């Protein structure tokens, strides 16, 4: 049976409407994923970094506000992430080099404390490795891929977000910029 142009047009419109309704109904809202989220809380370059509190591998809690007054490098990572493994020694070296002047913080995405502890021991990591076991902070910071690194100035303002592995030279350059802004080269 040959359909008329009018019938095809109606069919296409119905399919488009049903498809659009399906997409809208199946989307999970930002508030359903991570609670109420305002623009002031979003990790947007030039805006304050959202505060969080997470435990480390031995259960001690650390808050972003605990680090106020110094530049902070937040690195979201996982043990299964190959690029994360590649960049980890650079973060360790930076944590030693800038100790007391800038904080390097690793936020593990969704893994058990034992896995993170074993990984930290294997790579001889001495900077804080925090556990985001339910990935609530990863959602708050809108982490879409690993590794993701945020550079936060001494005033708590996000200065840059980098998705993907960072070379030691880029890491050093960004931390040096943050220190220069803070008047602490």
N, C-alpha and C. Protein backbone atom coordinates (compact mmCIF):
# COMPACT_ATOMS: atom_id res chain seq x y z
N UNK A 1 0.84 -1.17 0.00
CA UNK A 1 0.00 0.00 0.00
C UNK A 1 0.88 1.24 0.00
N UNK A 2 0.64 2.10 -0.89
CA UNK A 2 1.41 3.32 -1.07
C UNK A 2 0.85 4.41 -0.17
N UNK A 3 1.74 5.00 0.64
CA UNK A 3 1.31 6.06 1.55
C UNK A 3 1.41 7.41 0.85
N UNK A 4 0.53 8.29 1.24
CA UNK A 4 0.58 9.63 0.67
C UNK A 4 1.61 10.47 1.43
N UNK A 5 1.99 11.56 0.84
CA UNK A 5 2.95 12.47 1.46
C UNK A 5 2.42 12.97 2.81
N UNK A 6 1.13 13.23 2.90
CA UNK A 6 0.50 13.70 4.13
C UNK A 6 0.63 12.65 5.24
N UNK A 7 0.37 11.39 4.91
CA UNK A 7 0.47 10.32 5.90
C UNK A 7 1.91 10.18 6.41
N UNK A 8 2.87 10.27 5.52
CA UNK A 8 4.28 10.19 5.92
C UNK A 8 4.65 11.36 6.85
N UNK A 9 4.18 12.53 6.53
CA UNK A 9 4.45 13.70 7.35
C UNK A 9 3.87 13.52 8.75
N UNK A 10 2.65 13.05 8.84
CA UNK A 10 2.01 12.81 10.13
C UNK A 10 2.80 11.74 10.90
N UNK A 11 3.19 10.67 10.25
CA UNK A 11 3.95 9.60 10.89
C UNK A 11 5.28 10.12 11.44
N UNK A 12 5.99 10.92 10.67
CA UNK A 12 7.28 11.49 11.11
C UNK A 12 7.07 12.42 12.31
N UNK A 13 6.04 13.22 12.30
CA UNK A 13 5.77 14.13 13.42
C UNK A 13 5.45 13.34 14.68
N UNK A 14 4.65 12.30 14.56
CA UNK A 14 4.29 11.47 15.71
C UNK A 14 5.54 10.79 16.28
N UNK A 15 6.36 10.23 15.42
CA UNK A 15 7.59 9.57 15.88
C UNK A 15 8.51 10.57 16.56
N UNK A 16 8.67 11.77 16.00
CA UNK A 16 9.52 12.80 16.60
C UNK A 16 8.99 13.23 17.97
N UNK A 17 7.70 13.41 18.09
CA UNK A 17 7.12 13.78 19.38
C UNK A 17 7.30 12.68 20.42
N UNK A 18 7.05 11.45 20.02
CA UNK A 18 7.23 10.33 20.95
C UNK A 18 8.70 10.18 21.35
N UNK A 19 9.61 10.34 20.40
CA UNK A 19 11.04 10.26 20.70
C UNK A 19 11.48 11.37 21.63
N UNK A 20 11.02 12.58 21.38
CA UNK A 20 11.35 13.71 22.26
C UNK A 20 10.81 13.51 23.66
N UNK A 21 9.58 13.02 23.76
CA UNK A 21 8.99 12.75 25.07
C UNK A 21 9.78 11.66 25.80
N UNK A 22 10.18 10.63 25.08
CA UNK A 22 10.97 9.54 25.69
C UNK A 22 12.30 10.07 26.23
N UNK A 23 12.97 10.89 25.47
CA UNK A 23 14.26 11.45 25.90
C UNK A 23 14.06 12.31 27.14
N UNK A 24 13.07 13.17 27.13
CA UNK A 24 12.83 14.04 28.28
C UNK A 24 12.46 13.25 29.53
N UNK A 25 11.67 12.22 29.38
CA UNK A 25 11.23 11.42 30.53
C UNK A 25 12.35 10.56 31.10
N UNK A 26 13.30 10.17 30.26
CA UNK A 26 14.35 9.26 30.73
C UNK A 26 15.58 9.99 31.25
N UNK A 27 15.63 11.30 31.11
CA UNK A 27 16.76 12.06 31.63
C UNK A 27 16.64 12.21 33.13
N UNK A 28 17.79 12.10 33.81
CA UNK A 28 17.85 12.30 35.25
C UNK A 28 18.27 13.75 35.48
N UNK A 29 17.51 14.45 36.27
CA UNK A 29 17.84 15.86 36.49
C UNK A 29 19.07 16.01 37.37
N UNK A 30 19.72 17.17 37.30
CA UNK A 30 20.89 17.46 38.11
C UNK A 30 20.55 17.40 39.58
N UNK A 31 19.38 17.90 39.96
CA UNK A 31 19.01 17.88 41.37
C UNK A 31 18.77 16.46 41.86
N UNK A 32 18.29 15.58 41.01
CA UNK A 32 18.07 14.19 41.43
C UNK A 32 19.41 13.50 41.63
N UNK A 33 20.42 13.87 40.87
CA UNK A 33 21.73 13.23 40.98
C UNK A 33 22.51 13.72 42.18
N UNK A 34 22.48 15.00 42.47
CA UNK A 34 23.40 15.52 43.48
C UNK A 34 22.77 16.54 44.43
N UNK A 35 21.47 16.54 44.54
CA UNK A 35 20.83 17.52 45.41
C UNK A 35 20.69 18.85 44.68
N UNK A 36 20.26 19.87 45.38
CA UNK A 36 20.07 21.18 44.78
C UNK A 36 21.43 21.73 44.37
N UNK A 37 21.53 22.19 43.15
CA UNK A 37 22.78 22.71 42.63
C UNK A 37 22.52 24.10 42.06
N UNK A 38 23.24 25.09 42.56
CA UNK A 38 23.08 26.44 42.06
C UNK A 38 24.32 26.82 41.26
N UNK A 39 24.21 27.87 40.49
CA UNK A 39 25.36 28.31 39.71
C UNK A 39 26.55 28.65 40.59
N UNK A 40 26.29 29.18 41.78
CA UNK A 40 27.38 29.54 42.68
C UNK A 40 28.16 28.30 43.14
N UNK A 41 27.51 27.13 43.11
CA UNK A 41 28.17 25.91 43.56
C UNK A 41 28.87 25.17 42.43
N UNK A 42 28.52 25.45 41.22
CA UNK A 42 29.07 24.70 40.10
C UNK A 42 30.56 24.98 39.93
N UNK A 43 31.32 23.99 39.50
CA UNK A 43 32.76 24.18 39.32
C UNK A 43 33.06 24.90 38.01
N UNK A 44 32.75 26.16 37.97
CA UNK A 44 32.92 26.97 36.76
C UNK A 44 34.18 27.82 36.92
N UNK A 45 34.99 27.86 35.88
CA UNK A 45 36.20 28.68 35.92
C UNK A 45 35.80 30.12 36.23
N UNK A 46 36.49 30.70 37.20
CA UNK A 46 36.21 32.07 37.62
C UNK A 46 35.23 32.16 38.78
N UNK A 47 34.70 31.03 39.24
CA UNK A 47 33.74 31.00 40.34
C UNK A 47 34.32 30.17 41.49
N UNK A 48 33.79 30.35 42.70
CA UNK A 48 34.28 29.57 43.84
C UNK A 48 34.09 28.07 43.64
N UNK A 49 35.06 27.30 44.07
CA UNK A 49 34.96 25.85 44.02
C UNK A 49 33.99 25.39 45.10
N UNK A 50 33.10 24.46 44.77
CA UNK A 50 32.17 23.95 45.79
C UNK A 50 32.94 23.26 46.92
N UNK A 51 32.52 23.52 48.14
CA UNK A 51 33.15 22.84 49.27
C UNK A 51 32.69 21.39 49.31
N UNK A 52 33.51 20.54 49.90
CA UNK A 52 33.17 19.15 50.10
C UNK A 52 33.94 18.65 51.31
N UNK A 53 33.50 17.54 51.85
CA UNK A 53 34.22 16.85 52.91
C UNK A 53 34.24 15.38 52.53
N UNK A 54 35.44 14.80 52.49
CA UNK A 54 35.60 13.38 52.15
C UNK A 54 36.60 12.74 53.10
N UNK A 55 36.46 11.43 53.32
CA UNK A 55 37.44 10.72 54.14
C UNK A 55 38.65 10.32 53.31
N UNK A 56 39.79 10.16 54.00
CA UNK A 56 40.95 9.57 53.34
C UNK A 56 40.90 8.06 53.55
N UNK A 57 41.96 7.36 53.21
CA UNK A 57 41.94 5.90 53.26
C UNK A 57 41.92 5.33 54.67
N UNK A 58 42.19 6.16 55.69
CA UNK A 58 42.12 5.69 57.08
C UNK A 58 40.94 6.31 57.83
N UNK A 59 40.03 6.95 57.09
CA UNK A 59 38.81 7.46 57.68
C UNK A 59 38.84 8.89 58.20
N UNK A 60 39.99 9.56 58.13
CA UNK A 60 40.05 10.96 58.56
C UNK A 60 39.43 11.84 57.48
N UNK A 61 38.58 12.77 57.90
CA UNK A 61 37.90 13.61 56.94
C UNK A 61 38.70 14.86 56.62
N UNK A 62 38.59 15.29 55.37
CA UNK A 62 39.24 16.52 54.91
C UNK A 62 38.21 17.30 54.11
N UNK A 63 38.20 18.60 54.32
CA UNK A 63 37.29 19.50 53.64
C UNK A 63 38.10 20.43 52.75
N UNK A 64 37.52 20.85 51.65
CA UNK A 64 38.21 21.82 50.79
C UNK A 64 38.45 23.11 51.56
N UNK A 65 37.51 23.50 52.41
CA UNK A 65 37.68 24.72 53.20
C UNK A 65 38.85 24.63 54.18
N UNK A 66 39.27 23.40 54.54
CA UNK A 66 40.45 23.22 55.40
C UNK A 66 41.71 23.76 54.73
N UNK A 67 41.68 23.88 53.41
CA UNK A 67 42.86 24.28 52.65
C UNK A 67 42.82 25.75 52.23
N UNK A 68 41.89 26.50 52.81
CA UNK A 68 41.74 27.91 52.46
C UNK A 68 43.06 28.66 52.66
N UNK A 69 43.33 29.57 51.73
CA UNK A 69 44.53 30.39 51.84
C UNK A 69 45.71 29.87 51.04
N UNK A 70 45.57 28.70 50.46
CA UNK A 70 46.65 28.19 49.61
C UNK A 70 46.05 27.61 48.32
N UNK A 71 46.81 27.65 47.24
CA UNK A 71 46.33 27.03 45.99
C UNK A 71 46.12 25.53 46.19
N UNK A 72 45.12 25.00 45.48
CA UNK A 72 44.78 23.58 45.58
C UNK A 72 44.68 23.00 44.18
N UNK A 73 45.26 21.80 44.03
CA UNK A 73 45.12 21.03 42.80
C UNK A 73 44.30 19.80 43.16
N UNK A 74 43.08 19.71 42.60
CA UNK A 74 42.22 18.55 42.81
C UNK A 74 42.34 17.64 41.60
N UNK A 75 42.73 16.40 41.83
CA UNK A 75 42.88 15.44 40.74
C UNK A 75 41.90 14.30 40.96
N UNK A 76 40.89 14.19 40.09
CA UNK A 76 39.94 13.09 40.13
C UNK A 76 40.52 11.93 39.33
N UNK A 77 40.56 10.74 39.94
CA UNK A 77 41.26 9.61 39.32
C UNK A 77 40.65 8.29 39.79
N UNK A 78 41.14 7.19 39.20
CA UNK A 78 40.78 5.84 39.63
C UNK A 78 41.96 4.91 39.34
N UNK A 79 42.03 3.81 40.09
CA UNK A 79 43.16 2.88 39.92
C UNK A 79 43.13 2.19 38.57
N UNK A 80 41.95 2.02 37.98
CA UNK A 80 41.83 1.33 36.69
C UNK A 80 42.11 2.25 35.51
N UNK A 81 42.30 3.52 35.75
CA UNK A 81 42.48 4.53 34.69
C UNK A 81 43.95 4.62 34.31
N UNK A 82 44.29 4.15 33.11
CA UNK A 82 45.69 4.14 32.66
C UNK A 82 46.31 5.54 32.62
N UNK A 83 45.64 6.56 32.07
CA UNK A 83 46.24 7.90 32.09
C UNK A 83 46.46 8.43 33.51
N UNK A 84 45.59 8.03 34.44
CA UNK A 84 45.75 8.43 35.84
C UNK A 84 47.05 7.85 36.39
N UNK A 85 47.32 6.61 36.06
CA UNK A 85 48.55 5.95 36.52
C UNK A 85 49.78 6.65 35.95
N UNK A 86 49.68 7.09 34.71
CA UNK A 86 50.82 7.75 34.06
C UNK A 86 51.14 9.08 34.73
N UNK A 87 50.12 9.85 35.09
CA UNK A 87 50.36 11.18 35.66
C UNK A 87 50.60 11.17 37.16
N UNK A 88 50.32 10.08 37.84
CA UNK A 88 50.43 10.01 39.30
C UNK A 88 51.83 10.38 39.82
N UNK A 89 52.92 9.92 39.22
CA UNK A 89 54.24 10.33 39.72
C UNK A 89 54.47 11.85 39.64
N UNK A 90 53.90 12.51 38.65
CA UNK A 90 54.05 13.97 38.54
C UNK A 90 53.33 14.67 39.70
N UNK A 91 52.17 14.17 40.07
CA UNK A 91 51.45 14.75 41.20
C UNK A 91 52.21 14.51 42.50
N UNK A 92 52.80 13.33 42.64
CA UNK A 92 53.60 13.05 43.83
C UNK A 92 54.79 14.00 43.91
N UNK A 93 55.48 14.16 42.80
CA UNK A 93 56.64 15.06 42.77
C UNK A 93 56.22 16.49 43.09
N UNK A 94 55.09 16.93 42.55
CA UNK A 94 54.59 18.29 42.82
C UNK A 94 54.21 18.44 44.29
N UNK A 95 53.66 17.40 44.88
CA UNK A 95 53.28 17.49 46.29
C UNK A 95 54.50 17.68 47.19
N UNK A 96 55.61 17.09 46.80
CA UNK A 96 56.86 17.27 47.56
C UNK A 96 57.44 18.65 47.28
N UNK A 97 57.50 19.02 46.01
CA UNK A 97 58.09 20.29 45.61
C UNK A 97 57.36 21.49 46.20
N UNK A 98 56.02 21.43 46.26
CA UNK A 98 55.23 22.58 46.70
C UNK A 98 54.65 22.39 48.11
N UNK A 99 55.19 21.45 48.85
CA UNK A 99 54.69 21.15 50.19
C UNK A 99 54.64 22.41 51.05
N UNK A 100 53.46 22.69 51.61
CA UNK A 100 53.29 23.86 52.45
C UNK A 100 52.91 25.12 51.69
N UNK A 101 53.07 25.11 50.36
CA UNK A 101 52.71 26.28 49.55
C UNK A 101 51.49 26.03 48.68
N UNK A 102 51.28 24.79 48.27
CA UNK A 102 50.12 24.40 47.47
C UNK A 102 49.74 22.97 47.87
N UNK A 103 48.46 22.71 47.88
CA UNK A 103 47.98 21.38 48.26
C UNK A 103 47.63 20.57 47.01
N UNK A 104 48.14 19.36 46.96
CA UNK A 104 47.80 18.41 45.91
C UNK A 104 46.88 17.38 46.57
N UNK A 105 45.69 17.21 46.02
CA UNK A 105 44.70 16.30 46.59
C UNK A 105 44.20 15.37 45.50
N UNK A 106 44.25 14.07 45.75
CA UNK A 106 43.69 13.08 44.83
C UNK A 106 42.32 12.66 45.33
N UNK A 107 41.33 12.69 44.45
CA UNK A 107 39.99 12.24 44.80
C UNK A 107 39.69 11.01 43.97
N UNK A 108 39.68 9.86 44.65
CA UNK A 108 39.42 8.61 43.96
C UNK A 108 37.93 8.47 43.70
N UNK A 109 37.62 8.01 42.51
CA UNK A 109 36.24 7.93 42.08
C UNK A 109 35.68 6.52 42.25
N UNK A 110 35.00 6.31 43.37
CA UNK A 110 34.17 5.13 43.55
C UNK A 110 34.82 3.82 43.92
N UNK A 111 36.04 3.83 44.43
CA UNK A 111 36.70 2.57 44.76
C UNK A 111 36.84 2.38 46.27
N UNK A 112 37.07 1.14 46.67
CA UNK A 112 37.21 0.78 48.08
C UNK A 112 38.53 1.30 48.64
N UNK A 113 38.52 1.59 49.94
CA UNK A 113 39.71 2.12 50.61
C UNK A 113 40.93 1.22 50.42
N UNK A 114 40.75 -0.09 50.49
CA UNK A 114 41.88 -1.01 50.35
C UNK A 114 42.53 -0.87 48.97
N UNK A 115 41.74 -0.79 47.93
CA UNK A 115 42.29 -0.62 46.57
C UNK A 115 43.11 0.66 46.47
N UNK A 116 42.57 1.74 47.04
CA UNK A 116 43.25 3.03 46.99
C UNK A 116 44.52 3.00 47.84
N UNK A 117 44.45 2.38 49.00
CA UNK A 117 45.62 2.26 49.88
C UNK A 117 46.72 1.46 49.19
N UNK A 118 46.36 0.34 48.60
CA UNK A 118 47.35 -0.50 47.90
C UNK A 118 47.97 0.26 46.72
N UNK A 119 47.14 0.97 45.98
CA UNK A 119 47.63 1.76 44.85
C UNK A 119 48.58 2.85 45.34
N UNK A 120 48.19 3.56 46.40
CA UNK A 120 49.03 4.61 46.96
C UNK A 120 50.37 4.08 47.42
N UNK A 121 50.38 2.90 48.02
CA UNK A 121 51.63 2.29 48.47
C UNK A 121 52.50 1.89 47.28
N UNK A 122 51.87 1.33 46.25
CA UNK A 122 52.61 0.92 45.05
C UNK A 122 53.30 2.11 44.39
N UNK A 123 52.62 3.24 44.34
CA UNK A 123 53.16 4.44 43.68
C UNK A 123 53.85 5.39 44.66
N UNK A 124 53.93 4.99 45.93
CA UNK A 124 54.57 5.78 46.98
C UNK A 124 53.98 7.19 47.07
N UNK A 125 52.67 7.24 47.10
CA UNK A 125 51.95 8.51 47.17
C UNK A 125 51.88 8.97 48.62
N UNK A 126 52.29 10.20 48.86
CA UNK A 126 52.27 10.75 50.22
C UNK A 126 51.23 11.87 50.37
N UNK A 127 50.69 12.37 49.28
CA UNK A 127 49.67 13.41 49.39
C UNK A 127 48.31 12.75 49.67
N UNK A 128 47.35 13.52 50.18
CA UNK A 128 46.06 12.94 50.56
C UNK A 128 45.31 12.32 49.37
N UNK A 129 44.87 11.10 49.57
CA UNK A 129 44.00 10.41 48.61
C UNK A 129 42.65 10.26 49.30
N UNK A 130 41.67 11.00 48.79
CA UNK A 130 40.34 11.01 49.39
C UNK A 130 39.41 10.06 48.64
N UNK A 131 38.43 9.53 49.36
CA UNK A 131 37.53 8.52 48.80
C UNK A 131 36.16 9.10 48.50
N UNK A 132 35.82 9.14 47.24
CA UNK A 132 34.49 9.57 46.80
C UNK A 132 33.73 8.31 46.39
N UNK A 133 33.44 7.45 47.38
CA UNK A 133 32.90 6.13 47.10
C UNK A 133 31.55 6.16 46.41
N UNK A 134 30.71 7.13 46.75
CA UNK A 134 29.39 7.22 46.10
C UNK A 134 29.40 8.19 44.91
N UNK A 135 30.55 8.73 44.60
CA UNK A 135 30.78 9.64 43.48
C UNK A 135 29.93 10.91 43.55
N UNK A 136 29.50 11.26 44.75
CA UNK A 136 28.71 12.48 44.93
C UNK A 136 29.53 13.73 44.59
N UNK A 137 30.80 13.75 45.00
CA UNK A 137 31.64 14.93 44.72
C UNK A 137 32.01 14.97 43.24
N UNK A 138 32.22 13.82 42.64
CA UNK A 138 32.47 13.78 41.20
C UNK A 138 31.29 14.34 40.43
N UNK A 139 30.07 14.04 40.87
CA UNK A 139 28.89 14.61 40.23
C UNK A 139 28.80 16.11 40.50
N UNK A 140 29.08 16.51 41.75
CA UNK A 140 29.05 17.93 42.09
C UNK A 140 30.02 18.72 41.22
N UNK A 141 31.19 18.14 40.97
CA UNK A 141 32.20 18.80 40.15
C UNK A 141 32.05 18.48 38.66
N UNK A 142 30.98 17.77 38.33
CA UNK A 142 30.65 17.44 36.95
C UNK A 142 31.81 16.77 36.21
N UNK A 143 32.46 15.82 36.89
CA UNK A 143 33.56 15.08 36.28
C UNK A 143 32.97 14.15 35.23
N UNK A 144 33.41 14.32 33.98
CA UNK A 144 32.89 13.56 32.85
C UNK A 144 33.87 12.51 32.34
N UNK A 145 35.14 12.66 32.71
CA UNK A 145 36.16 11.71 32.26
C UNK A 145 37.32 11.74 33.23
N UNK A 146 38.06 10.66 33.25
CA UNK A 146 39.22 10.57 34.13
C UNK A 146 40.49 10.50 33.31
N UNK A 147 41.54 11.10 33.81
CA UNK A 147 41.59 12.00 34.95
C UNK A 147 41.02 13.37 34.62
N UNK A 148 40.55 14.06 35.65
CA UNK A 148 40.14 15.46 35.55
C UNK A 148 40.83 16.19 36.69
N UNK A 149 41.45 17.33 36.35
CA UNK A 149 42.20 18.10 37.35
C UNK A 149 41.69 19.53 37.37
N UNK A 150 41.44 20.02 38.59
CA UNK A 150 41.03 21.41 38.78
C UNK A 150 42.13 22.15 39.50
N UNK A 151 42.40 23.36 39.04
CA UNK A 151 43.37 24.25 39.66
C UNK A 151 42.58 25.36 40.34
N UNK A 152 42.71 25.43 41.66
CA UNK A 152 41.94 26.37 42.48
C UNK A 152 42.92 27.32 43.15
N UNK A 153 42.65 28.63 43.04
CA UNK A 153 43.58 29.60 43.62
C UNK A 153 43.43 29.70 45.13
N UNK A 154 44.27 30.51 45.76
CA UNK A 154 44.29 30.63 47.21
C UNK A 154 43.00 31.22 47.78
N UNK A 155 42.21 31.87 46.93
CA UNK A 155 40.93 32.42 47.35
C UNK A 155 39.78 31.44 47.14
N UNK A 156 40.08 30.23 46.67
CA UNK A 156 39.06 29.21 46.46
C UNK A 156 38.33 29.31 45.14
N UNK A 157 38.90 30.05 44.19
CA UNK A 157 38.27 30.23 42.89
C UNK A 157 38.90 29.26 41.88
N UNK A 158 38.05 28.58 41.11
CA UNK A 158 38.52 27.65 40.08
C UNK A 158 39.17 28.48 38.97
N UNK A 159 40.41 28.17 38.67
CA UNK A 159 41.14 28.90 37.62
C UNK A 159 41.22 28.11 36.32
N UNK A 160 41.19 26.76 36.41
CA UNK A 160 41.28 25.95 35.20
C UNK A 160 40.79 24.55 35.51
N UNK A 161 40.15 23.93 34.50
CA UNK A 161 39.75 22.53 34.58
C UNK A 161 40.39 21.83 33.39
N UNK A 162 41.13 20.75 33.67
CA UNK A 162 41.80 20.00 32.61
C UNK A 162 41.27 18.58 32.62
N UNK A 163 40.73 18.15 31.49
CA UNK A 163 40.26 16.78 31.36
C UNK A 163 41.30 16.02 30.55
N UNK A 164 41.79 14.92 31.13
CA UNK A 164 42.84 14.13 30.49
C UNK A 164 44.13 14.25 31.28
N UNK A 165 45.10 13.44 30.88
CA UNK A 165 46.38 13.40 31.59
C UNK A 165 47.14 14.71 31.44
N UNK A 166 47.87 15.04 32.49
CA UNK A 166 48.68 16.26 32.52
C UNK A 166 50.15 15.87 32.55
N UNK A 167 50.95 16.57 31.78
CA UNK A 167 52.39 16.31 31.81
C UNK A 167 52.98 17.00 33.04
N UNK A 168 54.14 16.55 33.48
CA UNK A 168 54.79 17.23 34.62
C UNK A 168 55.03 18.72 34.36
N UNK A 169 55.39 19.08 33.12
CA UNK A 169 55.67 20.48 32.80
C UNK A 169 54.40 21.33 32.91
N UNK A 170 53.28 20.82 32.43
CA UNK A 170 52.01 21.56 32.51
C UNK A 170 51.59 21.70 33.97
N UNK A 171 51.71 20.63 34.74
CA UNK A 171 51.36 20.67 36.16
C UNK A 171 52.19 21.72 36.88
N UNK A 172 53.50 21.72 36.64
CA UNK A 172 54.38 22.69 37.29
C UNK A 172 54.01 24.12 36.87
N UNK A 173 53.76 24.32 35.58
CA UNK A 173 53.39 25.65 35.09
C UNK A 173 52.13 26.16 35.77
N UNK A 174 51.10 25.32 35.89
CA UNK A 174 49.84 25.76 36.48
C UNK A 174 49.99 26.05 37.97
N UNK A 175 50.74 25.22 38.67
CA UNK A 175 50.94 25.48 40.11
C UNK A 175 51.76 26.76 40.30
N UNK A 176 52.79 26.96 39.48
CA UNK A 176 53.58 28.18 39.56
C UNK A 176 52.71 29.41 39.31
N UNK A 177 51.78 29.33 38.37
CA UNK A 177 50.87 30.45 38.12
C UNK A 177 50.01 30.75 39.35
N UNK A 178 49.47 29.70 39.94
CA UNK A 178 48.65 29.88 41.14
C UNK A 178 49.44 30.52 42.27
N UNK A 179 50.70 30.07 42.45
CA UNK A 179 51.55 30.62 43.49
C UNK A 179 51.89 32.08 43.21
N UNK A 180 52.15 32.41 41.94
CA UNK A 180 52.47 33.79 41.58
C UNK A 180 51.27 34.70 41.85
N UNK A 181 50.06 34.21 41.53
CA UNK A 181 48.84 34.99 41.80
C UNK A 181 48.70 35.26 43.30
N UNK A 182 49.09 34.28 44.09
CA UNK A 182 48.96 34.40 45.55
C UNK A 182 50.11 35.19 46.17
N UNK A 183 51.10 35.58 45.33
CA UNK A 183 52.25 36.30 45.84
C UNK A 183 53.21 35.40 46.60
N UNK A 184 53.24 34.12 46.22
CA UNK A 184 54.08 33.12 46.90
C UNK A 184 54.82 32.27 45.87
N UNK A 185 55.71 32.90 45.07
CA UNK A 185 56.37 32.14 43.99
C UNK A 185 57.30 31.06 44.47
